[in-house]
C-alpha cells in the first residue's frame, strides 16, 4: 500500500495513492482507518512529510560500497546518531543552505517508519514494529562534520531531513535500487543489497538503547560516493518501489 499525507481543507490527512489519484482515508495507517469515496488528483495536493517523527535515527556507515569508497572497514555493529524532528521537510520543499557551512552534502537513504512503540526488540520480532518505508535525504554540513567528534550539529540544521513523498508498506527492503540525482544527473546508484546491517538488525539494535515511537524514522545509511549542493540546485532521492523525493537548495 502507498500512503500519502497531505492537506485537505487546511488539515493534515492521509490518503492512499492509486495511479495519479489520492483516495482520502479517515484515520491513520498507524492505527485504523476507513477508505472514503473522496478523491483528489495527486498533482493538485500539497504533500506533507509522510509521518511526524519524535526523532530520526541515522545510521553512520551501513553500505559496503560506501565503506569502500571512503576507505573504511566494515563496522562490527551499527553506529547511530539522532537528528531532530525540526529538521524534517516534505517533498518539493526547500533546503536552506546555512550561513555556518561552506560544504553542504546530500545522502540518499531508505528510511524505516516505525509503526508502534518499541523497546528491547529481538531481530525476530523487529519487522512487526515496522509500518513501511520512505525516501530520505540525510543532509549534512560536511565541514562542521569533519571538524567535530560528534555528528549532531552537522546533521541537525533546519530543513536537513527531507522525507517522503510516500509511505510504502508491504515491500521487501533487502534489494531495492537506490539513486540520487543532482540537477538531473545521477550521483549515487546502488542497491539495498549492499546494506551491512539489515532493517531487522537495525530496528532491534536501536531499540536496545532507546524507545522507538510511532512515526519515528531510522535512516539506514547511504551508498557509494555522496556529493555537495549549492543554492540553485535540485536534489532528488529515488528508491525502487518507494518513490522519488525532490527538494530545492536555497540561500538563507
Protein backbone atom coordinates (compact mmCIF):
# COMPACT_ATOMS: atom_id res chain seq x y z
CA UNK A 1 0.00 0.00 0.00
CA UNK A 2 1.22 3.51 -0.83
CA UNK A 3 0.14 6.16 1.65
CA UNK A 4 0.48 9.92 1.39
CA UNK A 5 -0.04 12.64 3.98
CA UNK A 6 -1.42 15.91 2.62
CA UNK A 7 -3.51 18.98 3.35
CA UNK A 8 -7.28 18.76 2.94
CA UNK A 9 -9.37 21.76 3.99
CA UNK A 10 -6.27 23.12 5.75
CA UNK A 11 -5.90 19.98 7.88
CA UNK A 12 -3.33 17.18 7.55
CA UNK A 13 -4.92 13.91 6.46
CA UNK A 14 -3.81 10.60 4.97
CA UNK A 15 -4.70 9.08 1.66
CA UNK A 16 -3.96 6.05 -0.49
CA UNK A 17 -2.21 6.66 -3.80
CA UNK A 18 -3.63 4.81 -6.78
CA UNK A 19 -2.01 5.85 -10.06
CA UNK A 20 -2.39 9.63 -10.31
CA UNK A 21 -5.21 9.76 -7.77
CA UNK A 22 -5.31 10.07 -3.99
CA UNK A 23 -8.19 8.47 -2.08
CA UNK A 24 -8.73 10.12 1.28
CA UNK A 25 -8.92 7.91 4.36
CA UNK A 26 -10.42 8.63 7.76
CA UNK A 27 -7.91 7.72 10.43
CA UNK A 28 -4.26 6.80 10.11
CA UNK A 29 -2.17 3.91 8.75
CA UNK A 30 -0.56 3.79 12.21
CA UNK A 31 -3.86 2.76 13.83
CA UNK A 32 -7.10 2.09 11.99
CA UNK A 33 -8.64 3.79 9.01
CA UNK A 34 -11.66 3.79 6.73
CA UNK A 35 -11.36 4.41 3.00
CA UNK A 36 -13.69 7.17 1.81
CA UNK A 37 -15.00 7.90 -1.68
CA UNK A 38 -13.27 11.30 -1.78
CA UNK A 39 -10.62 11.55 -4.48
CA UNK A 40 -8.00 14.13 -5.41
CA UNK A 41 -5.57 14.48 -8.28
CA UNK A 42 -2.11 13.68 -6.95
CA UNK A 43 -0.66 16.65 -8.84
CA UNK A 44 -3.00 19.05 -7.03
CA UNK A 45 -2.43 18.10 -3.39
CA UNK A 46 0.01 19.80 -1.02
CA UNK A 47 2.20 16.90 0.12
CA UNK A 48 3.36 16.75 3.75
CA UNK A 49 6.05 14.56 5.32
CA UNK A 50 4.56 11.04 5.49
CA UNK A 51 4.91 10.87 9.28
CA UNK A 52 5.67 13.05 12.30
CA UNK A 53 8.74 11.54 13.96
CA UNK A 54 9.68 12.39 17.52
CA UNK A 55 13.24 11.71 16.37
CA UNK A 56 15.25 10.42 13.42
CA UNK A 57 17.92 7.81 13.99
CA UNK A 58 20.63 8.00 11.35
CA UNK A 59 22.97 5.07 10.73
CA UNK A 60 26.50 6.31 10.15
CA UNK A 61 28.07 3.67 7.89
CA UNK A 62 25.91 0.90 6.52
CA UNK A 63 26.72 0.22 2.84
CA UNK A 64 29.58 -1.94 1.64
CA UNK A 65 30.21 0.27 -1.39
CA UNK A 66 30.21 3.44 0.76
CA UNK A 67 32.68 1.92 3.23
CA UNK A 68 34.94 1.02 0.31
CA UNK A 69 34.55 4.47 -1.27
CA UNK A 70 35.65 6.33 1.87
CA UNK A 71 38.34 3.79 2.75
CA UNK A 72 36.87 2.49 5.98
CA UNK A 73 36.45 -1.06 7.17
CA UNK A 74 33.14 -2.74 7.85
CA UNK A 75 31.88 -1.84 11.35
CA UNK A 76 31.26 -4.61 13.87
CA UNK A 77 27.95 -3.11 14.97
CA UNK A 78 25.74 -0.20 13.84
CA UNK A 79 26.74 3.31 14.85
CA UNK A 80 23.93 5.82 15.05
CA UNK A 81 23.21 9.47 15.70
CA UNK A 82 19.96 11.40 16.18
CA UNK A 83 18.52 14.18 14.04
CA UNK A 84 15.75 16.36 15.48
CA UNK A 85 12.17 16.45 14.23
CA UNK A 86 12.63 20.17 13.48
CA UNK A 87 14.86 19.22 10.53
CA UNK A 88 12.03 17.45 8.66
CA UNK A 89 10.67 18.93 5.43
CA UNK A 90 8.43 17.49 2.74
CA UNK A 91 8.73 16.64 -0.95
CA UNK A 92 9.14 19.75 -3.14
CA UNK A 93 10.13 21.95 -0.18
CA UNK A 94 13.32 23.98 0.17
CA UNK A 95 16.59 23.00 1.82
CA UNK A 96 18.14 26.11 3.35
CA UNK A 97 21.91 26.44 2.92
CA UNK A 98 23.08 27.68 6.36
CA UNK A 99 25.50 30.57 6.71
CA UNK A 100 27.58 28.44 9.08
CA UNK A 101 28.71 25.97 6.43
CA UNK A 102 30.62 26.12 3.16
CA UNK A 103 30.07 22.46 2.29
CA UNK A 104 26.54 21.03 2.38
CA UNK A 105 26.19 17.41 1.32
CA UNK A 106 23.38 15.07 0.31
CA UNK A 107 22.89 11.39 1.15
CA UNK A 108 20.22 9.21 -0.46
CA UNK A 109 18.76 6.83 2.11
CA UNK A 110 15.97 4.34 2.67
CA UNK A 111 14.14 5.27 5.87
CA UNK A 112 12.22 2.83 8.05
CA UNK A 113 8.95 4.13 9.53
CA UNK A 114 8.18 2.72 12.98
CA UNK A 115 4.59 1.55 13.47
CA UNK A 116 4.22 1.24 17.25
CA UNK A 117 6.11 1.78 20.49
CA UNK A 118 9.15 -0.48 20.54
CA UNK A 119 11.79 -1.30 23.12
CA UNK A 120 14.27 -4.17 23.53
CA UNK A 121 13.14 -5.99 20.41
CA UNK A 122 14.70 -9.19 19.17
CA UNK A 123 15.61 -9.37 15.49
CA UNK A 124 12.87 -11.95 15.07
CA UNK A 125 10.12 -9.55 16.13
CA UNK A 126 11.60 -6.29 14.76
CA UNK A 127 9.70 -6.20 11.47
CA UNK A 128 6.39 -6.45 13.32
CA UNK A 129 7.09 -2.92 14.51
CA UNK A 130 7.78 -1.52 11.04
CA UNK A 131 4.91 0.17 9.22
CA UNK A 132 6.77 0.82 5.99
CA UNK A 133 9.44 2.78 4.16
CA UNK A 134 10.07 6.19 2.67
CA UNK A 135 12.78 8.16 0.87
CA UNK A 136 15.13 10.25 2.98
CA UNK A 137 17.93 12.74 2.33
CA UNK A 138 20.41 12.96 5.20
CA UNK A 139 21.65 16.49 4.53
CA UNK A 140 24.92 17.32 6.30
CA UNK A 141 27.22 20.28 6.85
CA UNK A 142 30.39 18.46 5.80
CA UNK A 143 32.93 20.99 7.08
CA UNK A 144 31.31 21.00 10.52
CA UNK A 145 31.04 17.21 10.49
CA UNK A 146 34.73 16.83 9.66
CA UNK A 147 35.98 19.07 12.46
CA UNK A 148 33.77 17.81 15.29
CA UNK A 149 33.80 14.43 17.00
CA UNK A 150 30.03 14.14 17.02
CA UNK A 151 27.70 14.41 14.03
CA UNK A 152 24.78 16.07 15.80
CA UNK A 153 25.33 19.74 14.89
CA UNK A 154 26.31 18.99 11.31
CA UNK A 155 23.17 16.90 10.77
CA UNK A 156 20.61 18.93 12.72
CA UNK A 157 20.07 22.23 10.92
CA UNK A 158 16.51 23.12 10.00
CA UNK A 159 15.48 21.55 6.65
CA UNK A 160 18.26 18.91 6.84
CA UNK A 161 15.84 15.96 6.80
CA UNK A 162 13.80 15.89 3.57
CA UNK A 163 11.37 12.96 3.80
CA UNK A 164 8.76 11.43 1.50
CA UNK A 165 6.80 11.74 -0.60
CA UNK A 166 5.15 8.39 0.19
CA UNK A 167 4.99 5.83 2.97
CA UNK A 168 5.01 2.40 1.34
CA UNK A 169 4.11 -0.81 3.14
CA UNK A 170 4.42 -4.49 2.31
CA UNK A 171 7.68 -4.41 0.37
CA UNK A 172 10.94 -6.28 0.84
CA UNK A 173 13.65 -3.72 1.76
CA UNK A 174 16.57 -6.05 1.06
CA UNK A 175 17.19 -5.47 -2.66
CA UNK A 176 15.85 -2.10 -3.81
CA UNK A 177 17.62 0.18 -6.27
CA UNK A 178 18.59 3.49 -4.62
CA UNK A 179 19.76 6.58 -6.51
CA UNK A 180 20.35 10.28 -6.10
CA UNK A 181 20.21 12.94 -8.82
CA UNK A 182 21.71 16.42 -8.67
CA UNK A 183 20.19 18.76 -11.25
CA UNK A 184 19.04 15.70 -13.19
CA UNK A 185 22.43 13.99 -13.28
CA UNK A 186 22.81 10.72 -11.42
CA UNK A 187 25.23 10.92 -8.48
CA UNK A 188 24.58 7.76 -6.48
CA UNK A 189 23.44 4.39 -7.78
CA UNK A 190 23.36 1.25 -5.68
CA UNK A 191 21.01 -1.25 -4.08
CA UNK A 192 19.95 -2.04 -0.55
CA UNK A 193 21.50 -5.45 -1.11
CA UNK A 194 24.71 -3.58 -0.17
CA UNK A 195 23.43 -2.90 3.36
CA UNK A 196 25.87 -4.08 6.00
CA UNK A 197 23.17 -4.31 8.68
CA UNK A 198 19.65 -5.27 7.66
CA UNK A 199 16.49 -3.40 8.59
CA UNK A 200 15.67 -6.19 11.01
CA UNK A 201 19.06 -5.80 12.70
CA UNK A 202 18.86 -2.01 12.85
CA UNK A 203 15.41 -1.85 14.42
CA UNK A 204 16.39 -4.40 17.04
CA UNK A 205 19.76 -2.75 17.75
CA UNK A 206 18.38 0.77 18.13
CA UNK A 207 15.53 -0.43 20.36
CA UNK A 208 18.07 -1.86 22.80
CA UNK A 209 19.24 1.70 23.54
CA UNK A 210 16.11 3.82 23.29
CA UNK A 211 12.35 3.63 22.92
CA UNK A 212 11.05 3.99 19.39
CA UNK A 213 7.68 5.69 18.97
CA UNK A 214 5.10 5.56 16.15
CA UNK A 215 6.31 7.66 13.24
CA UNK A 216 9.97 7.61 14.24
CA UNK A 217 12.42 7.14 11.38
CA UNK A 218 15.53 5.02 11.08
CA UNK A 219 17.58 6.28 8.12
CA UNK A 220 19.54 3.21 7.07
CA UNK A 221 22.68 4.85 5.64
CA UNK A 222 23.83 5.99 2.23
CA UNK A 223 25.57 4.12 -0.60
CA UNK A 224 28.57 4.86 -2.78
CA UNK A 225 30.00 8.35 -3.18
CA UNK A 226 27.98 11.33 -1.98
CA UNK A 227 28.37 14.94 -3.11
CA UNK A 228 27.79 18.62 -2.33
CA UNK A 229 24.95 21.02 -3.07
CA UNK A 230 24.79 24.79 -3.53
CA UNK A 231 21.90 27.26 -3.77
CA UNK A 232 20.04 26.80 -7.02
CA UNK A 233 20.49 23.03 -7.07
CA UNK A 234 17.72 20.45 -7.28
CA UNK A 235 18.38 17.21 -5.39
CA UNK A 236 16.35 14.01 -5.78
CA UNK A 237 16.36 10.67 -3.98
CA UNK A 238 14.79 7.74 -5.81
CA UNK A 239 14.16 4.31 -4.33
CA UNK A 240 12.63 1.43 -6.25
CA UNK A 241 9.00 0.72 -5.24
CA UNK A 242 9.10 3.63 -2.77
CA UNK A 243 9.16 6.85 -4.77
CA UNK A 244 11.16 9.91 -5.75
CA UNK A 245 11.81 12.74 -3.30
CA UNK A 246 12.64 16.16 -4.77
CA UNK A 247 13.91 19.28 -2.99
CA UNK A 248 15.45 22.63 -3.89
CA UNK A 249 18.50 24.27 -2.32
CA UNK A 250 18.15 27.96 -1.47
CA UNK A 251 20.17 30.65 0.28
CA UNK A 252 19.17 31.61 3.85
